[in-house]
Structures are given as C-alpha cells and as structure tokens.
Amino acid sequence: MSESTELLEAKPRGMIFVDFWNYELTMKELEPGFLTDWFKLPSIVIQEISLLLGETVQYGRCFIFGSYDPSSPGDARLRSWATTVLSKVPGVAVSFVPRQKRRRGPHCTGAAHHEITECPFCHASMLGTQEKGVDTQIATEMLDMAYSNCCDVIALVSADRDFIPAVQKLLARNIKVIHAFFPNHGHELAATSWASFDLFKAREQFRR
C-alpha cells in the first residue's frame, strides 16, 4: 500500500444530510432572494467541518431529502428539477416523496374550537398537504450509515429538533455530528451536536 493511499484512508469520512425544505424556508426567511448553487454547497460544508476537526475530511456523499405536492404544477417542476438536475451534483443522492393530504383542518381559536375544512369565502379546501416521513428518512439513513461503518463525521443541515434523539445515538457510536445552523434557529439541535457552524455566514461561497 502506497503512502498516499494510507493518508487517504486515514482521513475522517464525512457525509452530509440536508433537510431540503427546512433549509430552503429558513434561508429564504433570512435572505428572501438567495439562490443556492447546489454544485458548490457540498464542498463548502465539507470545508467547514474540516476546519472544525482541524484535518481534511474525505467527502463521501450528500443526501438531500424533500417532498412535493403531486397536485401542484409548481411542485411537479420542483420534483423534475430535483431528479434531473440536483441528482447530477457529484456525490449527491436525492429523495423527494409526495406530501400527504391532511385529514384534519385547522381549528378556530374561539370557544367552539371548531374544525375548519373549507374557506368560508371561496369554499376551497383548508386541508392542504403535509410533509410526512422525511425526518424519519433522514434519521434512518444517518443511523444506517453509522451502523454500517460508512462514515466518521456527519454534517446535518436542518434546524428541526426532532433529530435530537438520532444525533444522541450517533454520538454514542462515536460519530461526530456537526450541525450546520442558521442564526436564531435550531439552538437545541446545535447544543446536542458535537459541534456546529454558521451556514448562513458561509453563504457567499455557495451563492448562485
């Protein structure tokens, strides 16, 4: 085995997990006009976690999980973009699942607490759709990669505190989980993770 091969194998192996809608909506909230260059984002995240570890991290894969509304033409275009463009980013694996119809509508805030299933003005359905299963997909894939000994460090791009139990299990298996956070979002997740970095501050490096 050559010295260069030994050095490559000695590098910590890193994987990235992106909660697509959590990322997109939070980024748009902080900077409405921001457009992400997805061909640059994975390498910037690996660069940031390498700085935190104090050594070069070997890029494994970037998993991007999202959802779409099958009845929405706009979401149909989003799914087409995700499967034909986003999936071509080197090392990226994409999963976009259909959203499910809500079984219950919102409730009024008055004493009756009545469920509202249609708009009282235009009579359109108030049920809409909801994203289900995406968080479970992300958590399951992270744990699978860890238990299969496929990585040493994971970068998690989400502010959702629902990932805390999965992060705790990963840390227990000596997997360093690094939270890519946004200002004023995801404090509990950042506190649970091994380390964190401000993804919003690094955005100029992956602006489209």
C-alpha atoms as a PDB file:
ATOM      1  CA  MET A   1       0.000   0.000   0.000  1.00  0.00           C
ATOM      2  CA  SER A   2       1.408   3.390  -1.035  1.00  0.00           C
ATOM      3  CA  GLU A   3       1.895   6.267   1.393  1.00  0.00           C
ATOM      4  CA  SER A   4      -0.724   8.366  -0.467  1.00  0.00           C
ATOM      5  CA  THR A   5      -3.309   5.568  -0.117  1.00  0.00           C
ATOM      6  CA  GLU A   6      -2.601   5.252   3.597  1.00  0.00           C
ATOM      7  CA  LEU A   7      -3.055   9.010   4.048  1.00  0.00           C
ATOM      8  CA  LEU A   8      -6.369   8.902   2.150  1.00  0.00           C
ATOM      9  CA  GLU A   9      -7.656   6.049   4.307  1.00  0.00           C
ATOM     10  CA  ALA A  10      -6.590   7.874   7.469  1.00  0.00           C
ATOM     11  CA  LYS A  11      -8.827  10.858   6.692  1.00  0.00           C
ATOM     12  CA  PRO A  12     -12.159  11.001   8.547  1.00  0.00           C
ATOM     13  CA  ARG A  13     -15.015  10.133   6.198  1.00  0.00           C
ATOM     14  CA  GLY A  14     -17.762  12.728   6.054  1.00  0.00           C
ATOM     15  CA  MET A  15     -21.364  12.639   4.881  1.00  0.00           C
ATOM     16  CA  ILE A  16     -23.916  15.434   4.573  1.00  0.00           C
ATOM     17  CA  PHE A  17     -27.653  15.197   5.241  1.00  0.00           C
ATOM     18  CA  VAL A  18     -29.876  18.049   4.051  1.00  0.00           C
ATOM     19  CA  ASP A  19     -33.482  18.607   5.130  1.00  0.00           C
ATOM     20  CA  PHE A  20     -34.386  20.411   1.871  1.00  0.00           C
ATOM     21  CA  TRP A  21     -37.480  22.365   2.893  1.00  0.00           C
ATOM     22  CA  ASN A  22     -36.137  23.237   6.313  1.00  0.00           C
ATOM     23  CA  TYR A  23     -33.021  24.608   4.601  1.00  0.00           C
ATOM     24  CA  GLU A  24     -34.885  26.438   1.814  1.00  0.00           C
ATOM     25  CA  LEU A  25     -37.535  28.070   4.001  1.00  0.00           C
ATOM     26  CA  THR A  26     -35.036  29.167   6.648  1.00  0.00           C
ATOM     27  CA  MET A  27     -32.649  30.586   4.056  1.00  0.00           C
ATOM     28  CA  LYS A  28     -35.484  32.471   2.335  1.00  0.00           C
ATOM     29  CA  GLU A  29     -36.626  33.835   5.695  1.00  0.00           C
ATOM     30  CA  LEU A  30     -33.161  35.259   6.364  1.00  0.00           C
ATOM     31  CA  GLU A  31     -32.460  36.390   2.791  1.00  0.00           C
ATOM     32  CA  PRO A  32     -35.537  36.185   0.535  1.00  0.00           C
ATOM     33  CA  GLY A  33     -33.680  36.450  -2.781  1.00  0.00           C
ATOM     34  CA  PHE A  34     -30.974  33.905  -2.041  1.00  0.00           C
ATOM     35  CA  LEU A  35     -30.367  31.186  -4.636  1.00  0.00           C
ATOM     36  CA  THR A  36     -28.224  28.181  -3.760  1.00  0.00           C
ATOM     37  CA  ASP A  37     -25.550  26.784  -6.054  1.00  0.00           C
ATOM     38  CA  TRP A  38     -26.054  23.130  -5.180  1.00  0.00           C
ATOM     39  CA  PHE A  39     -22.931  22.152  -7.105  1.00  0.00           C
ATOM     40  CA  LYS A  40     -20.878  24.185  -4.600  1.00  0.00           C
ATOM     41  CA  LEU A  41     -22.757  23.571  -1.335  1.00  0.00           C
ATOM     42  CA  PRO A  42     -21.419  20.060  -0.508  1.00  0.00           C
ATOM     43  CA  SER A  43     -17.767  21.066  -0.889  1.00  0.00           C
ATOM     44  CA  ILE A  44     -18.294  24.166   1.266  1.00  0.00           C
ATOM     45  CA  VAL A  45     -19.906  22.096   4.023  1.00  0.00           C
ATOM     46  CA  ILE A  46     -17.001  19.618   3.901  1.00  0.00           C
ATOM     47  CA  GLN A  47     -14.595  22.554   4.056  1.00  0.00           C
ATOM     48  CA  GLU A  48     -16.344  23.936   7.153  1.00  0.00           C
ATOM     49  CA  ILE A  49     -16.366  20.628   9.021  1.00  0.00           C
ATOM     50  CA  SER A  50     -12.707  20.085   8.089  1.00  0.00           C
ATOM     51  CA  LEU A  51     -11.905  23.401   9.775  1.00  0.00           C
ATOM     52  CA  LEU A  52     -13.788  22.318  12.900  1.00  0.00           C
ATOM     53  CA  LEU A  53     -11.979  18.978  13.039  1.00  0.00           C
ATOM     54  CA  GLY A  54      -8.599  20.517  12.261  1.00  0.00           C
ATOM     55  CA  GLU A  55      -7.985  17.983   9.492  1.00  0.00           C
ATOM     56  CA  THR A  56      -9.154  17.270   5.957  1.00  0.00           C
ATOM     57  CA  VAL A  57     -12.421  15.343   5.782  1.00  0.00           C
ATOM     58  CA  GLN A  58     -12.889  12.897   2.927  1.00  0.00           C
ATOM     59  CA  TYR A  59     -16.195  13.649   1.170  1.00  0.00           C
ATOM     60  CA  GLY A  60     -18.461  10.621   0.947  1.00  0.00           C
ATOM     61  CA  ARG A  61     -21.989  11.537  -0.087  1.00  0.00           C
ATOM     62  CA  CYS A  62     -24.579  14.269   0.317  1.00  0.00           C
ATOM     63  CA  PHE A  63     -28.149  13.083   0.905  1.00  0.00           C
ATOM     64  CA  ILE A  64     -30.925  15.588   0.150  1.00  0.00           C
ATOM     65  CA  PHE A  65     -34.439  14.778   1.334  1.00  0.00           C
ATOM     66  CA  GLY A  66     -37.569  16.726   0.431  1.00  0.00           C
ATOM     67  CA  SER A  67     -41.223  16.440  -0.533  1.00  0.00           C
ATOM     68  CA  TYR A  68     -43.646  17.698  -3.179  1.00  0.00           C
ATOM     69  CA  ASP A  69     -47.388  18.121  -3.668  1.00  0.00           C
ATOM     70  CA  PRO A  70     -48.459  15.795  -6.546  1.00  0.00           C
ATOM     71  CA  SER A  71     -51.422  18.072  -7.369  1.00  0.00           C
ATOM     72  CA  SER A  72     -49.288  21.208  -7.738  1.00  0.00           C
ATOM     73  CA  PRO A  73     -47.793  22.094 -11.172  1.00  0.00           C
ATOM     74  CA  GLY A  74     -45.086  24.107  -9.399  1.00  0.00           C
ATOM     75  CA  ASP A  75     -44.165  21.146  -7.237  1.00  0.00           C
ATOM     76  CA  ALA A  76     -44.109  18.924 -10.330  1.00  0.00           C
ATOM     77  CA  ARG A  77     -41.428  21.226 -11.764  1.00  0.00           C
ATOM     78  CA  LEU A  78     -39.578  21.110  -8.440  1.00  0.00           C
ATOM     79  CA  ARG A  79     -39.562  17.307  -8.461  1.00  0.00           C
ATOM     80  CA  SER A  80     -38.383  17.287 -12.078  1.00  0.00           C
ATOM     81  CA  TRP A  81     -35.539  19.676 -11.183  1.00  0.00           C
ATOM     82  CA  ALA A  82     -34.614  17.591  -8.139  1.00  0.00           C
ATOM     83  CA  THR A  83     -34.481  14.328 -10.070  1.00  0.00           C
ATOM     84  CA  THR A  84     -32.873  15.628 -13.279  1.00  0.00           C
ATOM     85  CA  VAL A  85     -30.585  18.463 -12.094  1.00  0.00           C
ATOM     86  CA  LEU A  86     -29.978  18.158  -8.351  1.00  0.00           C
ATOM     87  CA  SER A  87     -29.255  14.442  -8.665  1.00  0.00           C
ATOM     88  CA  LYS A  88     -26.393  15.244 -11.079  1.00  0.00           C
ATOM     89  CA  VAL A  89     -24.399  17.102  -8.424  1.00  0.00           C
ATOM     90  CA  PRO A  90     -21.308  14.947  -7.764  1.00  0.00           C
ATOM     91  CA  GLY A  91     -21.845  12.613  -4.806  1.00  0.00           C
ATOM     92  CA  VAL A  92     -25.455  13.710  -4.235  1.00  0.00           C
ATOM     93  CA  ALA A  93     -28.351  11.308  -3.621  1.00  0.00           C
ATOM     94  CA  VAL A  94     -31.845  12.836  -3.832  1.00  0.00           C
ATOM     95  CA  SER A  95     -35.154  11.645  -2.389  1.00  0.00           C
ATOM     96  CA  PHE A  96     -38.370  13.657  -2.896  1.00  0.00           C
ATOM     97  CA  VAL A  97     -41.512  11.961  -1.620  1.00  0.00           C
ATOM     98  CA  PRO A  98     -45.154  13.032  -2.236  1.00  0.00           C
ATOM     99  CA  ARG A  99     -46.849  15.007   0.515  1.00  0.00           C
ATOM    100  CA  GLN A 100     -49.990  13.554   2.031  1.00  0.00           C
ATOM    101  CA  LYS A 101     -53.404  15.132   2.294  1.00  0.00           C
ATOM    102  CA  ARG A 102     -54.215  16.440   5.761  1.00  0.00           C
ATOM    103  CA  ARG A 103     -57.009  14.500   7.426  1.00  0.00           C
ATOM    104  CA  ARG A 104     -57.973  17.378   9.693  1.00  0.00           C
ATOM    105  CA  GLY A 105     -58.289  21.084   9.044  1.00  0.00           C
ATOM    106  CA  PRO A 106     -57.248  23.997  11.276  1.00  0.00           C
ATOM    107  CA  HIS A 107     -59.394  24.860  14.287  1.00  0.00           C
ATOM    108  CA  CYS A 108     -60.819  28.247  15.205  1.00  0.00           C
ATOM    109  CA  THR A 109     -59.352  29.893  18.268  1.00  0.00           C
ATOM    110  CA  GLY A 110     -62.736  30.724  19.794  1.00  0.00           C
ATOM    111  CA  ALA A 111     -64.637  28.839  22.467  1.00  0.00           C
ATOM    112  CA  ALA A 112     -66.109  26.331  19.976  1.00  0.00           C
ATOM    113  CA  HIS A 113     -62.673  25.284  18.718  1.00  0.00           C
ATOM    114  CA  HIS A 114     -64.434  24.260  15.508  1.00  0.00           C
ATOM    115  CA  GLU A 115     -62.525  22.445  12.766  1.00  0.00           C
ATOM    116  CA  ILE A 116     -62.459  24.437   9.505  1.00  0.00           C
ATOM    117  CA  THR A 117     -62.338  22.161   6.463  1.00  0.00           C
ATOM    118  CA  GLU A 118     -63.109  24.782   3.795  1.00  0.00           C
ATOM    119  CA  CYS A 119     -62.573  28.503   3.359  1.00  0.00           C
ATOM    120  CA  PRO A 120     -65.739  30.425   4.342  1.00  0.00           C
ATOM    121  CA  PHE A 121     -65.152  32.881   1.474  1.00  0.00           C
ATOM    122  CA  CYS A 122     -64.108  30.842  -1.591  1.00  0.00           C
ATOM    123  CA  HIS A 123     -65.051  27.376  -0.251  1.00  0.00           C
ATOM    124  CA  ALA A 124     -61.666  25.924  -1.194  1.00  0.00           C
ATOM    125  CA  SER A 125     -60.358  23.051   0.903  1.00  0.00           C
ATOM    126  CA  MET A 126     -58.402  24.059   4.006  1.00  0.00           C
ATOM    127  CA  LEU A 127     -56.934  20.592   4.427  1.00  0.00           C
ATOM    128  CA  GLY A 128     -53.950  21.058   2.129  1.00  0.00           C
ATOM    129  CA  THR A 129     -50.985  18.687   2.274  1.00  0.00           C
ATOM    130  CA  GLN A 130     -48.294  17.928   4.813  1.00  0.00           C
ATOM    131  CA  GLU A 131     -44.786  16.525   4.698  1.00  0.00           C
ATOM    132  CA  LYS A 132     -44.670  13.134   6.402  1.00  0.00           C
ATOM    133  CA  GLY A 133     -41.825  10.689   6.738  1.00  0.00           C
ATOM    134  CA  VAL A 134     -38.966  12.915   5.579  1.00  0.00           C
ATOM    135  CA  ASP A 135     -37.486  13.357   9.069  1.00  0.00           C
ATOM    136  CA  THR A 136     -37.735   9.597   9.588  1.00  0.00           C
ATOM    137  CA  GLN A 137     -35.973   9.002   6.265  1.00  0.00           C
ATOM    138  CA  ILE A 138     -33.118  11.299   7.235  1.00  0.00           C
ATOM    139  CA  ALA A 139     -32.710   9.835  10.720  1.00  0.00           C
ATOM    140  CA  THR A 140     -32.854   6.262   9.413  1.00  0.00           C
ATOM    141  CA  GLU A 141     -30.276   6.927   6.692  1.00  0.00           C
ATOM    142  CA  MET A 142     -27.906   8.635   9.139  1.00  0.00           C
ATOM    143  CA  LEU A 143     -28.114   5.728  11.564  1.00  0.00           C
ATOM    144  CA  ASP A 144     -27.728   3.219   8.733  1.00  0.00           C
ATOM    145  CA  MET A 145     -24.552   4.918   7.523  1.00  0.00           C
ATOM    146  CA  ALA A 146     -23.173   4.935  11.059  1.00  0.00           C
ATOM    147  CA  TYR A 147     -24.068   1.337  11.906  1.00  0.00           C
ATOM    148  CA  SER A 148     -22.625   0.236   8.526  1.00  0.00           C
ATOM    149  CA  ASN A 149     -19.366   1.989   9.438  1.00  0.00           C
ATOM    150  CA  CYS A 150     -19.555   4.159   6.322  1.00  0.00           C
ATOM    151  CA  CYS A 151     -18.646   7.477   7.957  1.00  0.00           C
ATOM    152  CA  ASP A 152     -16.859   9.111  10.869  1.00  0.00           C
ATOM    153  CA  VAL A 153     -18.491  12.529  10.788  1.00  0.00           C
ATOM    154  CA  ILE A 154     -21.951  13.716   9.702  1.00  0.00           C
ATOM    155  CA  ALA A 155     -22.985  17.255   8.803  1.00  0.00           C
ATOM    156  CA  LEU A 156     -26.704  17.812   9.413  1.00  0.00           C
ATOM    157  CA  VAL A 157     -28.350  20.724   7.594  1.00  0.00           C
ATOM    158  CA  SER A 158     -31.620  21.290   9.450  1.00  0.00           C
ATOM    159  CA  ALA A 159     -32.964  23.235  12.416  1.00  0.00           C
ATOM    160  CA  ASP A 160     -35.528  20.573  13.362  1.00  0.00           C
ATOM    161  CA  ARG A 161     -35.221  19.482  16.999  1.00  0.00           C
ATOM    162  CA  ASP A 162     -36.864  16.147  16.079  1.00  0.00           C
ATOM    163  CA  PHE A 163     -33.398  14.959  15.041  1.00  0.00           C
ATOM    164  CA  ILE A 164     -32.057  15.213  18.599  1.00  0.00           C
ATOM    165  CA  PRO A 165     -32.668  11.523  19.529  1.00  0.00           C
ATOM    166  CA  ALA A 166     -30.914  10.345  16.338  1.00  0.00           C
ATOM    167  CA  VAL A 167     -27.998  12.713  16.986  1.00  0.00           C
ATOM    168  CA  GLN A 168     -27.650  11.367  20.523  1.00  0.00           C
ATOM    169  CA  LYS A 169     -27.482   7.790  19.203  1.00  0.00           C
ATOM    170  CA  LEU A 170     -24.876   8.778  16.619  1.00  0.00           C
ATOM    171  CA  LEU A 171     -22.722  10.481  19.235  1.00  0.00           C
ATOM    172  CA  ALA A 172     -22.980   7.341  21.389  1.00  0.00           C
ATOM    173  CA  ARG A 173     -21.412   5.435  18.482  1.00  0.00           C
ATOM    174  CA  ASN A 174     -18.554   7.952  18.306  1.00  0.00           C
ATOM    175  CA  ILE A 175     -19.893   9.575  15.132  1.00  0.00           C
ATOM    176  CA  LYS A 176     -19.190  13.298  15.243  1.00  0.00           C
ATOM    177  CA  VAL A 177     -22.386  15.109  14.281  1.00  0.00           C
ATOM    178  CA  ILE A 178     -21.829  18.692  13.159  1.00  0.00           C
ATOM    179  CA  HIS A 179     -24.846  20.945  12.917  1.00  0.00           C
ATOM    180  CA  ALA A 180     -24.931  23.433  10.034  1.00  0.00           C
ATOM    181  CA  PHE A 181     -27.102  26.087  11.670  1.00  0.00           C
ATOM    182  CA  PHE A 182     -28.792  29.380  10.813  1.00  0.00           C
ATOM    183  CA  PRO A 183     -28.832  32.373  13.207  1.00  0.00           C
ATOM    184  CA  ASN A 184     -31.663  32.145  15.757  1.00  0.00           C
ATOM    185  CA  HIS A 185     -32.714  28.684  14.565  1.00  0.00           C
ATOM    186  CA  GLY A 186     -32.105  25.201  15.910  1.00  0.00           C
ATOM    187  CA  HIS A 187     -30.456  26.077  19.234  1.00  0.00           C
ATOM    188  CA  GLU A 188     -31.372  22.738  20.855  1.00  0.00           C
ATOM    189  CA  LEU A 189     -30.042  20.734  17.923  1.00  0.00           C
ATOM    190  CA  ALA A 190     -26.797  22.728  17.909  1.00  0.00           C
ATOM    191  CA  ALA A 191     -26.386  22.199  21.653  1.00  0.00           C
ATOM    192  CA  THR A 192     -26.815  18.432  21.256  1.00  0.00           C
ATOM    193  CA  SER A 193     -24.388  18.096  18.344  1.00  0.00           C
ATOM    194  CA  TRP A 194     -20.642  17.523  18.674  1.00  0.00           C
ATOM    195  CA  ALA A 195     -20.008  20.931  17.062  1.00  0.00           C
ATOM    196  CA  SER A 196     -21.738  23.455  14.812  1.00  0.00           C
ATOM    197  CA  PHE A 197     -21.021  26.173  12.277  1.00  0.00           C
ATOM    198  CA  ASP A 198     -22.998  29.098  10.866  1.00  0.00           C
ATOM    199  CA  LEU A 199     -24.088  28.054   7.372  1.00  0.00           C
ATOM    200  CA  PHE A 200     -25.689  31.444   6.718  1.00  0.00           C
ATOM    201  CA  LYS A 201     -22.373  33.187   7.334  1.00  0.00           C
ATOM    202  CA  ALA A 202     -20.730  30.929   4.732  1.00  0.00           C
ATOM    203  CA  ARG A 203     -23.450  31.500   2.114  1.00  0.00           C
ATOM    204  CA  GLU A 204     -21.403  33.744  -0.203  1.00  0.00           C
ATOM    205  CA  GLN A 205     -19.304  30.706  -1.075  1.00  0.00           C
ATOM    206  CA  PHE A 206     -22.296  28.821  -2.481  1.00  0.00           C
ATOM    207  CA  ARG A 207     -24.423  31.683  -3.803  1.00  0.00           C
ATOM    208  CA  ARG A 208     -25.659  31.089  -7.344  1.00  0.00           C
END
